[in-house]
Protein backbone atom coordinates (compact mmCIF):
# COMPACT_ATOMS: atom_id res chain seq x y z
CA MET A 1 147.60 -12.58 -1.09
CA LYS A 2 144.50 -14.45 -2.19
CA LYS A 3 141.41 -13.66 -0.17
CA PRO A 4 139.62 -16.53 1.58
CA LYS A 5 136.48 -17.69 -0.15
CA ILE A 6 133.23 -17.35 1.81
CA CYS A 7 130.04 -19.28 1.16
CA VAL A 8 126.96 -17.56 2.59
CA VAL A 9 123.98 -19.84 3.27
CA LEU A 10 120.46 -18.38 3.44
CA LEU A 11 117.30 -20.38 4.16
CA ASN A 12 113.97 -19.26 2.76
CA TRP A 13 110.56 -20.47 3.85
CA ASN A 14 107.90 -18.17 2.44
CA GLY A 15 110.03 -15.16 3.33
CA ARG A 16 110.71 -13.77 -0.15
CA ASP A 17 110.79 -10.08 0.78
CA ASP A 18 113.11 -10.66 3.74
CA THR A 19 115.40 -12.85 1.66
CA LEU A 20 115.62 -10.32 -1.18
CA ALA A 21 116.39 -7.51 1.30
CA CYS A 22 119.13 -9.64 2.85
CA LEU A 23 120.57 -10.37 -0.59
CA ASP A 24 120.58 -6.66 -1.39
CA SER A 25 122.64 -5.98 1.73
CA LEU A 26 125.05 -8.78 0.81
CA LYS A 27 125.49 -7.32 -2.68
CA ALA A 28 126.55 -4.05 -1.04
CA SER A 29 129.26 -5.86 0.95
CA ASN A 30 132.83 -4.68 0.46
CA TYR A 31 134.07 -8.30 0.53
CA SER A 32 134.20 -9.70 -2.98
CA GLU A 33 135.16 -13.37 -2.58
CA THR A 34 131.67 -14.48 -1.65
CA ASP A 35 129.37 -17.16 -3.03
CA ILE A 36 125.74 -17.19 -1.96
CA VAL A 37 123.46 -20.23 -1.80
CA VAL A 38 119.76 -19.90 -1.05
CA VAL A 39 118.08 -23.07 0.23
CA ASP A 40 114.36 -22.77 -0.42
CA GLN A 41 112.26 -24.89 1.92
CA GLY A 42 109.32 -25.77 -0.30
CA SER A 43 108.05 -22.18 -0.31
CA GLN A 44 104.98 -20.92 -2.13
CA ASP A 45 106.22 -17.34 -2.44
CA GLY A 46 107.76 -17.50 -5.91
CA LEU A 47 111.28 -16.70 -4.69
CA VAL A 48 112.96 -19.40 -6.79
CA ASP A 49 111.59 -17.92 -10.02
CA VAL A 50 112.54 -14.40 -8.93
CA LEU A 51 116.11 -15.45 -8.18
CA GLU A 52 116.47 -17.24 -11.50
CA GLN A 53 115.48 -14.04 -13.29
CA ARG A 54 117.12 -11.38 -11.12
CA GLU A 55 120.02 -13.08 -9.33
CA PRO A 56 121.52 -15.71 -11.65
CA GLN A 57 124.80 -15.61 -9.70
CA VAL A 58 123.03 -16.97 -6.62
CA LYS A 59 123.01 -20.75 -6.28
CA VAL A 60 119.52 -22.04 -5.46
CA ILE A 61 118.70 -25.36 -3.82
CA ALA A 62 114.95 -25.91 -4.13
CA ASN A 63 113.55 -28.44 -1.68
CA GLU A 64 110.09 -29.89 -2.12
CA LYS A 65 109.47 -29.66 1.63
CA ASN A 66 110.78 -27.80 4.65
CA MET A 67 113.93 -29.54 5.88
CA GLY A 68 114.12 -27.40 9.00
CA PHE A 69 116.89 -25.06 10.07
CA THR A 70 119.30 -27.94 10.59
CA GLY A 71 118.60 -29.89 7.41
CA GLY A 72 118.43 -26.85 5.13
CA ASN A 73 121.60 -25.28 6.49
CA ASN A 74 123.45 -28.58 6.25
CA GLN A 75 122.57 -28.71 2.56
CA GLY A 76 124.10 -25.28 2.16
CA ILE A 77 127.15 -26.31 4.18
CA ASP A 78 127.66 -29.32 1.91
CA PHE A 79 127.50 -27.06 -1.14
CA GLY A 80 130.04 -24.66 0.37
CA LEU A 81 132.47 -27.42 1.29
CA GLU A 82 132.18 -29.03 -2.15
CA SER A 83 132.78 -25.68 -3.85
CA GLY A 84 136.02 -25.16 -1.93
CA ALA A 85 134.95 -22.37 0.43
CA ASP A 86 137.36 -21.55 3.24
CA TYR A 87 134.56 -20.40 5.52
CA ILE A 88 130.84 -21.07 5.69
CA LEU A 89 128.61 -18.22 6.90
CA LEU A 90 125.14 -19.27 8.02
CA LEU A 91 122.91 -16.22 7.93
CA ASN A 92 119.22 -15.81 8.73
CA ASN A 93 117.27 -14.48 5.78
CA ASP A 94 115.56 -11.91 8.03
CA THR A 95 118.77 -9.95 8.55
CA VAL A 96 120.40 -6.93 6.98
CA VAL A 97 124.19 -7.00 6.83
CA ASP A 98 126.53 -4.05 7.26
CA GLN A 99 128.78 -3.64 4.23
CA GLU A 100 131.92 -4.32 6.32
CA CYS A 101 130.52 -7.28 8.24
CA ILE A 102 132.07 -10.12 6.25
CA SER A 103 135.42 -8.39 5.78
CA GLU A 104 135.64 -7.81 9.54
CA LEU A 105 134.83 -11.43 10.32
CA VAL A 106 137.46 -12.60 7.84
CA ARG A 107 140.07 -10.16 9.12
CA VAL A 108 139.77 -11.47 12.67
CA ALA A 109 139.54 -15.12 11.59
CA GLU A 110 142.72 -14.87 9.56
CA ASP A 111 144.63 -13.47 12.57
CA SER A 112 144.49 -16.77 14.47
CA ALA A 113 144.07 -20.38 13.39
CA ALA A 114 142.66 -21.10 16.86
CA VAL A 115 139.41 -19.33 15.96
CA GLY A 116 136.84 -21.89 14.88
CA ALA A 117 133.61 -19.90 14.72
CA LEU A 118 132.87 -16.19 14.64
CA GLY A 119 129.80 -14.06 14.99
CA PRO A 120 128.93 -10.38 14.54
CA LYS A 121 127.24 -7.96 16.91
CA ILE A 122 123.55 -8.46 16.18
CA TYR A 123 121.07 -5.62 16.63
CA LEU A 124 117.28 -5.58 16.59
CA PHE A 125 116.15 -4.41 13.17
CA HIS A 126 113.19 -2.41 14.50
CA ASP A 127 115.27 -0.85 17.31
CA PRO A 128 118.61 -0.50 15.53
CA ASP A 129 120.71 0.67 18.49
CA ARG A 130 119.51 -2.14 20.75
CA ILE A 131 121.41 -5.42 20.95
CA TRP A 132 119.92 -8.83 20.22
CA SER A 133 123.13 -10.82 20.69
CA VAL A 134 126.87 -10.53 21.12
CA GLY A 135 127.47 -14.23 21.45
CA GLY A 136 125.99 -16.78 23.81
CA ILE A 137 126.92 -18.14 27.21
CA LEU A 138 125.85 -21.32 28.99
CA ASP A 139 124.32 -20.72 32.39
CA PHE A 140 122.01 -23.78 32.69
CA THR A 141 119.04 -21.76 33.89
CA GLN A 142 115.72 -21.20 32.07
CA ASN A 143 116.94 -21.95 28.56
CA VAL A 144 120.34 -23.59 29.19
CA GLY A 145 122.09 -20.66 27.51
CA LYS A 146 121.41 -16.99 26.93
CA MET A 147 122.44 -14.21 24.60
CA ARG A 148 124.99 -11.72 25.89
CA GLY A 149 123.70 -8.17 25.81
CA TYR A 150 120.13 -9.10 24.90
CA GLY A 151 117.85 -6.07 24.96
CA ARG A 152 120.53 -3.61 26.04
CA LYS A 153 121.13 -0.33 24.26
CA ASP A 154 124.55 -0.31 22.61
CA GLU A 155 126.76 2.15 24.48
CA GLY A 156 130.07 0.57 23.53
CA GLN A 157 130.07 -1.90 26.43
CA PHE A 158 130.51 -4.88 24.07
CA ASP A 159 133.06 -3.40 21.67
CA GLU A 160 135.92 -5.78 22.53
CA LEU A 161 136.57 -9.17 20.95
CA ALA A 162 135.14 -11.79 23.28
CA GLU A 163 135.36 -15.57 23.61
CA VAL A 164 131.93 -17.10 24.14
CA ASP A 165 130.40 -20.54 24.59
CA PHE A 166 128.48 -20.41 21.30
CA ILE A 167 127.53 -18.15 18.40
CA SER A 168 123.88 -17.76 17.46
CA GLY A 169 122.86 -19.59 14.31
CA CYS A 170 121.36 -16.29 13.17
CA ALA A 171 124.84 -15.39 11.90
CA VAL A 172 127.79 -17.70 12.43
CA MET A 173 130.90 -18.10 10.28
CA VAL A 174 132.85 -21.34 10.69
CA ARG A 175 136.11 -22.53 9.14
CA SER A 176 135.57 -25.32 6.67
CA GLN A 177 138.35 -27.35 8.28
CA VAL A 178 136.56 -27.06 11.62
CA ILE A 179 133.32 -28.34 10.08
CA ALA A 180 135.31 -31.23 8.62
CA ALA A 181 136.60 -31.99 12.13
CA VAL A 182 133.42 -31.63 14.21
CA GLY A 183 130.69 -32.19 11.64
CA PRO A 184 127.80 -29.94 10.52
CA LEU A 185 124.75 -28.96 12.56
CA GLY A 186 123.28 -31.81 14.58
CA GLU A 187 120.15 -32.91 12.75
CA GLU A 188 118.77 -34.44 15.93
CA PHE A 189 117.81 -30.83 16.73
CA TYR A 190 115.33 -30.75 13.82
CA PRO A 191 113.80 -28.40 12.88
CA GLY A 192 115.77 -25.90 14.99
CA TYR A 193 116.80 -24.50 18.39
CA TYR A 194 119.93 -25.54 20.30
CA GLU A 195 121.69 -26.78 17.18
CA ASP A 196 123.89 -23.67 17.35
CA VAL A 197 124.57 -24.17 21.07
CA ASP A 198 125.50 -27.80 20.42
CA TRP A 199 127.76 -26.74 17.54
CA GLY A 200 129.53 -24.19 19.72
CA VAL A 201 130.18 -26.78 22.44
CA ARG A 202 131.53 -29.27 19.90
CA ILE A 203 133.78 -26.62 18.36
CA ARG A 204 135.24 -25.73 21.75
CA ALA A 205 135.68 -29.42 22.62
CA ALA A 206 137.78 -29.77 19.46
CA GLY A 207 140.16 -27.10 20.78
CA TYR A 208 138.89 -24.07 18.86
CA VAL A 209 137.56 -20.71 20.05
CA ASN A 210 134.14 -19.17 19.45
CA LEU A 211 134.70 -15.44 19.02
CA VAL A 212 132.39 -12.43 18.78
CA VAL A 213 133.62 -9.66 16.45
CA PRO A 214 131.73 -6.48 17.46
CA SER A 215 133.09 -4.49 14.53
CA ALA A 216 131.04 -6.82 12.30
CA LYS A 217 127.38 -5.81 12.49
CA ILE A 218 123.99 -7.04 11.33
CA TRP A 219 120.34 -6.21 12.08
CA HIS A 220 117.87 -9.01 12.80
CA LYS A 221 114.08 -8.95 12.39
CA VAL A 222 113.79 -11.81 14.94
CA SER A 223 112.10 -15.14 14.28
CA ALA A 224 110.10 -14.13 11.24
CA SER A 225 109.72 -17.77 10.16
CA THR A 226 108.50 -19.16 13.51
CA GLY A 227 106.06 -16.46 14.56
CA GLY A 228 108.31 -14.80 17.08
CA ASP A 229 110.57 -15.83 19.94
CA TYR A 230 107.62 -16.57 22.22
CA SER A 231 105.25 -18.51 19.98
CA PRO A 232 104.02 -21.83 21.44
CA ALA A 233 105.76 -23.78 18.66
CA SER A 234 109.11 -22.17 19.45
CA LYS A 235 108.61 -22.74 23.18
CA TYR A 236 107.83 -26.41 22.57
CA LEU A 237 111.04 -26.81 20.56
CA MET A 238 113.09 -24.96 23.16
CA GLY A 239 111.85 -27.27 25.89
CA HIS A 240 112.25 -30.44 23.85
CA HIS A 241 115.69 -29.62 22.49
CA ALA A 242 116.99 -28.37 25.83
CA VAL A 243 116.59 -31.92 27.10
CA LEU A 244 118.41 -33.28 24.03
CA PHE A 245 121.26 -30.86 24.61
CA MET A 246 121.49 -31.72 28.30
CA ARG A 247 121.62 -35.43 27.50
CA LYS A 248 124.58 -34.83 25.21
CA HIS A 249 126.64 -32.37 27.22
CA ALA A 250 125.54 -31.69 30.80
CA THR A 251 127.31 -32.72 33.98
CA ARG A 252 125.35 -33.88 37.03
CA TYR A 253 125.64 -30.43 38.64
CA GLN A 254 124.41 -28.75 35.44
CA TRP A 255 121.45 -31.13 35.30
CA VAL A 256 120.44 -30.21 38.85
CA LYS A 257 120.80 -26.48 38.22
CA TRP A 258 118.80 -26.61 34.99
CA PHE A 259 116.09 -28.81 36.50
CA VAL A 260 115.55 -26.35 39.36
CA TRP A 261 115.52 -23.29 37.12
CA ALA A 262 113.67 -24.63 34.08
CA VAL A 263 111.43 -27.44 35.32
CA LEU A 264 110.50 -26.72 38.93
CA SER A 265 109.77 -23.10 38.01
CA LEU A 266 107.12 -24.00 35.42
CA PRO A 267 104.10 -23.82 37.81
CA PHE A 268 105.14 -20.34 38.93
CA LEU A 269 105.71 -19.29 35.33
CA TYR A 270 102.27 -20.63 34.45
CA LEU A 271 100.63 -18.57 37.20
CA ALA A 272 102.50 -15.45 36.10
CA HIS A 273 101.26 -15.86 32.53
CA ALA A 274 97.74 -16.67 33.71
CA PHE A 275 97.40 -13.03 34.73
CA LYS A 276 98.23 -12.12 31.13
CA ARG A 277 95.62 -14.64 29.94
CA ASP A 278 98.08 -16.43 27.70
CA THR A 279 99.60 -19.60 29.13
CA ARG A 280 100.04 -21.34 25.79
CA GLY A 281 103.80 -20.79 25.64
CA VAL A 282 104.37 -22.16 29.13
CA TRP A 283 102.17 -25.17 28.46
CA ALA A 284 103.95 -25.82 25.15
CA LYS A 285 107.36 -25.64 26.81
CA ALA A 286 106.27 -28.08 29.52
CA LEU A 287 105.06 -30.54 26.89
CA GLY A 288 108.31 -30.12 25.01
CA ILE A 289 110.35 -30.93 28.11
CA ARG A 290 108.14 -33.95 28.79
CA ASP A 291 108.55 -35.25 25.23
CA GLY A 292 112.30 -34.62 25.41
CA PHE A 293 112.56 -36.87 28.47
CA ARG A 294 110.44 -39.46 26.66
CA GLU A 295 112.81 -39.18 23.67
CA ALA A 296 109.77 -38.58 21.47
CA PRO A 297 110.71 -37.19 18.03
CA VAL A 298 109.46 -33.82 16.85
CA THR A 299 106.73 -34.47 14.28
CA SER A 300 104.93 -32.19 11.85
CA ASP A 301 101.61 -32.54 13.69
CA VAL A 302 103.23 -31.15 16.86
CA LEU A 303 104.61 -28.15 14.99
CA GLU A 304 101.26 -27.50 13.29
CA ARG A 305 99.23 -27.82 16.50
CA GLN A 306 96.87 -24.96 17.31
CA TRP A 307 97.99 -24.39 20.85
């Protein structure tokens, strides 16, 4: 039986060493029917030249500017669909992939046509037995959704297949036919954050399942391109895009719950961080929420602001 064809999409924005390490782990994969496309986001790190010399089998899309997580990945998705891939695997460039990861994802996907999107068990690279994510759930509290298992030491408690609300965009494999049905990542979530949550909700609304495959494993260096999970820029985007997501998907009850947890708690969160003498993230998130309600677009000057 012919193996399904996988297209792996990696974004690079001045992360040459991370991208090359990720590619090395992909080359060690025991799944052979894999094409790789690297979307370079106007980097100044020389990766494009390195790939042309060392990795001629890798397809490179070289953008003149950063198209964001959504725009860059959608370019890779388009390439995968046009090349006839059966599945598209979006993968952060700051990850290292277990050699059986892709084969495990494919094995589970091929067992049921109801599975629309799949994700691996994701560990922290610098604490390799500690979990970063085993899928995401919507709880409409601080950040609308949260990662299952975040920060917990892996003791086998997440070793069963599990249906979840969404799969993190750090590593998500989606059937091409599902992408044809629901569309690619929502570019209204430029440059990133909540596009994966939105995708998961749309996939479920189309009648498919989002499934975590714990036998598939990767290790994630965590937000290397945005300065960390708690940088002011990332907090701004999380606040702004949470409002966009709520506008698209939330019920009245979910709006009330989120508003109490995420908005009314901001003064208390500010005071808590004042003791740490760093309130920039809280302030940035508040401004993001405000701009989300104003329907103000995310602009480059906001992302480059020195908070």
